[in-house]
N, C-alpha and C. Protein backbone atom coordinates (compact mmCIF):
# COMPACT_ATOMS: atom_id res chain seq x y z
N MET A 1 0.68 -1.01 0.05
CA MET A 1 0.26 -0.37 0.06
C MET A 1 0.62 1.32 0.20
N THR A 2 0.26 2.16 -0.75
CA THR A 2 1.33 3.41 -0.72
C THR A 2 0.49 4.42 0.28
N VAL A 3 1.56 5.06 0.62
CA VAL A 3 0.76 6.58 1.73
C VAL A 3 1.13 7.40 1.07
N PRO A 4 0.27 8.32 0.78
CA PRO A 4 0.34 9.74 0.44
C PRO A 4 1.17 10.55 1.27
N ASP A 5 1.98 11.64 0.50
CA ASP A 5 2.67 12.45 1.23
C ASP A 5 1.79 13.64 1.53
N ILE A 6 1.68 13.90 2.53
CA ILE A 6 1.20 15.61 3.02
C ILE A 6 2.33 16.84 3.06
N LEU A 7 1.68 17.70 2.42
CA LEU A 7 2.78 18.71 2.52
C LEU A 7 2.00 19.80 3.84
N GLN A 8 2.81 20.51 4.41
CA GLN A 8 2.21 21.45 5.61
C GLN A 8 2.78 22.93 5.45
N ASN A 9 2.41 23.60 5.13
CA ASN A 9 2.35 25.26 5.62
C ASN A 9 1.84 25.76 6.51
N GLY A 10 2.56 26.21 7.75
CA GLY A 10 1.89 26.73 8.96
C GLY A 10 1.21 25.77 9.52
N ASP A 11 -0.01 25.74 9.67
CA ASP A 11 -0.86 25.07 10.46
C ASP A 11 -2.23 24.29 9.28
N ASN A 12 -1.51 24.51 7.96
CA ASN A 12 -2.25 23.67 6.98
C ASN A 12 -1.40 22.87 6.39
N PHE A 13 -2.52 22.31 5.84
CA PHE A 13 -1.92 20.80 5.34
C PHE A 13 -2.92 20.22 3.47
N PHE A 14 -1.34 19.73 2.58
CA PHE A 14 -2.26 20.05 1.35
C PHE A 14 -1.74 18.17 0.96
N PHE A 15 -2.39 17.78 -0.05
CA PHE A 15 -2.21 16.83 -0.69
C PHE A 15 -1.92 17.61 -1.86
N PRO A 16 -0.40 16.82 -1.89
CA PRO A 16 0.14 17.19 -3.44
C PRO A 16 0.12 16.49 -4.57
N VAL A 17 0.04 17.05 -5.75
CA VAL A 17 -0.30 16.33 -7.15
C VAL A 17 0.75 17.29 -8.31
N PHE A 18 0.64 16.23 -8.85
CA PHE A 18 2.20 16.80 -10.18
C PHE A 18 1.40 16.64 -11.75
N THR A 19 1.76 17.76 -12.32
CA THR A 19 1.30 17.52 -13.98
C THR A 19 2.16 16.37 -14.13
N SER A 20 3.47 16.51 -14.33
CA SER A 20 4.39 15.43 -15.20
C SER A 20 5.67 15.53 -13.59
N ASP A 21 6.82 14.16 -14.16
CA ASP A 21 7.69 13.80 -13.22
C ASP A 21 8.72 15.11 -13.16
N GLU A 22 8.65 15.74 -14.28
CA GLU A 22 9.70 17.05 -14.09
C GLU A 22 9.00 17.77 -13.32
N GLU A 23 7.84 18.40 -12.69
CA GLU A 23 6.99 18.81 -11.78
C GLU A 23 7.26 18.49 -10.36
N MET A 24 7.89 17.19 -10.41
CA MET A 24 8.23 16.71 -9.21
C MET A 24 9.73 16.76 -8.76
N GLY A 25 10.27 16.83 -9.42
CA GLY A 25 11.61 16.96 -9.68
C GLY A 25 12.36 15.94 -8.42
N GLU A 26 13.29 16.14 -7.88
CA GLU A 26 14.04 15.31 -6.91
C GLU A 26 12.83 14.39 -5.78
N TYR A 27 12.49 15.74 -5.26
CA TYR A 27 11.21 15.13 -4.46
C TYR A 27 10.58 13.73 -5.05
N GLY A 28 10.30 13.59 -6.08
CA GLY A 28 9.30 12.45 -6.29
C GLY A 28 10.61 11.46 -6.53
N GLU A 29 11.81 11.72 -6.23
CA GLU A 29 12.58 10.27 -6.25
C GLU A 29 12.51 9.57 -4.87
N HIS A 30 11.59 9.77 -3.98
CA HIS A 30 11.93 9.17 -2.81
C HIS A 30 10.15 8.80 -2.31
N PHE A 31 9.54 8.72 -3.65
CA PHE A 31 8.38 8.28 -3.80
C PHE A 31 7.57 7.31 -4.74
N SER A 32 6.41 6.59 -4.12
CA SER A 32 6.06 6.11 -5.27
C SER A 32 5.15 7.10 -5.98
N LYS A 33 4.87 6.74 -7.52
CA LYS A 33 4.05 7.50 -7.95
C LYS A 33 2.87 6.95 -9.05
N ILE A 34 1.56 7.36 -8.91
CA ILE A 34 0.70 7.01 -9.00
C ILE A 34 -0.23 7.86 -10.16
N GLN A 35 0.10 7.07 -11.51
CA GLN A 35 -1.29 8.29 -12.15
C GLN A 35 -2.45 7.71 -11.90
N SER A 36 -3.14 9.32 -12.11
CA SER A 36 -4.50 8.76 -11.63
C SER A 36 -5.42 9.77 -11.71
N HIS A 37 -7.04 9.76 -11.83
CA HIS A 37 -7.63 10.92 -12.62
C HIS A 37 -7.64 11.97 -11.12
N PHE A 38 -8.33 13.01 -11.54
CA PHE A 38 -7.94 14.08 -9.84
C PHE A 38 -9.04 13.29 -9.21
N LEU A 39 -10.13 13.06 -9.74
CA LEU A 39 -11.39 12.68 -8.56
C LEU A 39 -11.34 11.87 -7.75
N GLU A 40 -9.76 10.69 -8.15
CA GLU A 40 -9.71 9.88 -7.11
C GLU A 40 -8.76 10.95 -6.50
N ALA A 41 -7.59 11.61 -6.85
CA ALA A 41 -6.93 12.14 -6.01
C ALA A 41 -7.84 13.23 -4.93
N MET A 42 -8.45 13.75 -5.38
CA MET A 42 -10.16 14.64 -4.45
C MET A 42 -10.44 13.53 -3.17
N ASN A 43 -10.86 12.20 -4.05
CA ASN A 43 -10.61 11.35 -2.66
C ASN A 43 -9.68 10.94 -1.25
N LEU A 44 -8.95 10.78 -2.15
CA LEU A 44 -7.69 10.42 -0.80
C LEU A 44 -7.44 11.69 -0.22
N ALA A 45 -7.32 12.67 -0.84
CA ALA A 45 -7.25 13.93 -0.11
C ALA A 45 -8.63 14.67 1.23
N ARG A 46 -9.29 13.99 0.70
CA ARG A 46 -11.01 14.09 1.66
C ARG A 46 -10.87 13.01 3.12
N ASN A 47 -10.10 11.67 2.20
CA ASN A 47 -10.14 10.50 3.49
C ASN A 47 -9.03 10.87 3.92
N ASN A 48 -7.62 11.63 4.27
CA ASN A 48 -6.47 11.33 4.86
C ASN A 48 -6.96 11.87 6.04
N GLU A 49 -6.11 11.08 6.84
CA GLU A 49 -5.82 11.53 8.51
C GLU A 49 -5.63 12.45 9.10
N LYS A 50 -4.51 13.39 8.31
CA LYS A 50 -4.73 14.77 8.57
C LYS A 50 -5.81 15.65 8.09
N ASN A 51 -5.55 16.77 8.54
CA ASN A 51 -7.08 17.62 8.18
C ASN A 51 -6.63 18.50 6.82
N VAL A 52 -6.91 17.59 6.32
CA VAL A 52 -6.18 18.12 4.52
C VAL A 52 -7.59 19.54 4.15
N CYS A 53 -6.44 20.62 3.79
CA CYS A 53 -7.74 21.97 3.55
C CYS A 53 -7.90 22.36 1.86
N GLY A 54 -6.96 20.83 1.42
CA GLY A 54 -6.78 21.58 -0.32
C GLY A 54 -6.10 20.79 -0.91
N ILE A 55 -5.89 20.69 -2.16
CA ILE A 55 -4.62 19.74 -2.73
C ILE A 55 -3.92 21.07 -3.49
N VAL A 56 -2.66 20.52 -3.50
CA VAL A 56 -1.76 22.15 -4.54
C VAL A 56 -1.49 20.75 -5.41
N ILE A 57 -1.87 21.72 -6.57
CA ILE A 57 -1.15 21.38 -8.23
C ILE A 57 0.29 22.04 -7.93
N ASN A 58 1.80 21.12 -8.23
CA ASN A 58 2.79 21.10 -8.97
C ASN A 58 3.21 22.35 -7.94
N ALA A 59 3.78 21.90 -6.48
CA ALA A 59 3.66 22.84 -5.00
C ALA A 59 5.11 23.19 -4.93
N PHE A 60 6.09 23.22 -6.32
CA PHE A 60 7.72 23.34 -6.48
C PHE A 60 7.52 24.26 -7.40
N SER A 61 7.18 24.22 -8.22
CA SER A 61 6.70 25.25 -9.35
C SER A 61 5.73 26.67 -9.08
N GLU A 62 4.74 26.20 -10.34
CA GLU A 62 3.96 27.39 -10.46
C GLU A 62 2.42 26.75 -9.68
N SER A 63 2.24 26.46 -8.41
CA SER A 63 1.62 26.09 -7.59
C SER A 63 0.36 26.80 -7.71
N PHE A 64 -0.65 26.13 -7.51
CA PHE A 64 -2.02 26.11 -7.29
C PHE A 64 -2.72 25.78 -6.55
N VAL A 65 -3.35 25.88 -5.30
CA VAL A 65 -3.89 25.33 -4.36
C VAL A 65 -5.86 25.38 -4.89
N ILE A 66 -6.09 24.14 -4.62
CA ILE A 66 -7.57 23.95 -5.00
C ILE A 66 -8.26 23.63 -3.36
N PRO A 67 -9.07 24.50 -2.70
CA PRO A 67 -9.54 24.39 -1.41
C PRO A 67 -10.69 23.25 -1.33
N ILE A 68 -10.38 22.41 -0.13
CA ILE A 68 -11.00 20.94 -0.17
C ILE A 68 -12.91 21.41 -0.60
N GLU A 69 -13.40 22.73 0.10
CA GLU A 69 -14.60 23.36 -0.20
C GLU A 69 -15.14 23.00 -1.93
N LEU A 70 -14.33 23.57 -2.72
CA LEU A 70 -14.65 23.06 -4.15
C LEU A 70 -14.58 21.90 -4.31
N PHE A 71 -14.00 20.72 -3.67
CA PHE A 71 -14.20 19.73 -4.11
C PHE A 71 -15.19 18.90 -4.11
N ASP A 72 -16.59 19.11 -4.07
CA ASP A 72 -17.79 18.94 -4.32
C ASP A 72 -17.95 19.68 -5.98
N ILE A 73 -18.01 20.43 -5.66
CA ILE A 73 -18.54 21.36 -6.81
C ILE A 73 -17.84 20.84 -8.29
N ILE A 74 -16.08 20.63 -8.01
CA ILE A 74 -15.33 19.83 -9.39
C ILE A 74 -15.64 18.58 -9.52
N ALA A 75 -16.29 17.99 -8.50
CA ALA A 75 -17.00 16.43 -9.12
C ALA A 75 -17.71 16.60 -9.89
N GLU A 76 -18.98 17.33 -9.69
CA GLU A 76 -19.92 17.37 -10.66
C GLU A 76 -20.27 18.06 -11.68
N MET A 77 -19.01 18.54 -12.09
CA MET A 77 -18.90 19.11 -13.51
C MET A 77 -18.56 17.93 -14.06
N ASP A 78 -19.23 18.77 -15.39
CA ASP A 78 -19.11 17.72 -16.64
C ASP A 78 -17.32 17.99 -17.43
N SER A 79 -16.98 16.22 -17.77
CA SER A 79 -15.51 16.64 -18.39
C SER A 79 -15.59 17.45 -19.78
N SER A 80 -14.55 18.06 -19.82
CA SER A 80 -14.13 18.69 -21.26
C SER A 80 -13.58 18.15 -22.34
N ILE A 81 -13.51 16.39 -22.08
CA ILE A 81 -12.63 15.99 -22.85
C ILE A 81 -13.81 14.99 -23.28
N GLU A 82 -13.42 15.10 -25.05
CA GLU A 82 -14.49 14.06 -25.63
C GLU A 82 -14.39 12.50 -24.94
N ARG A 83 -14.87 11.89 -25.57
CA ARG A 83 -14.26 10.59 -25.01
C ARG A 83 -14.96 9.79 -26.48
N LYS A 84 -13.82 9.12 -26.63
CA LYS A 84 -13.87 8.28 -28.30
C LYS A 84 -14.80 7.06 -28.08
N GLU A 85 -15.57 6.86 -28.90
CA GLU A 85 -17.10 5.63 -28.34
C GLU A 85 -16.50 4.42 -29.53
């Protein structure tokens, strides 16, 4: 079982996700990497034992935080990716 790393900034905890191996840099050398859908990352963040307040995307470069309050809204959004049938 892999246990996700949680980043801390002051009293706030964030679940990190990265758009590529390059964005992880040396940080990624110490952890298992799992490629999955963003909705799965939201579930992992939400169910973490620490009180995660959001997901941070590309934490070590042009970081962007998605607060946990937006998770339900994001989950209900339609995908903009067209699926091949």
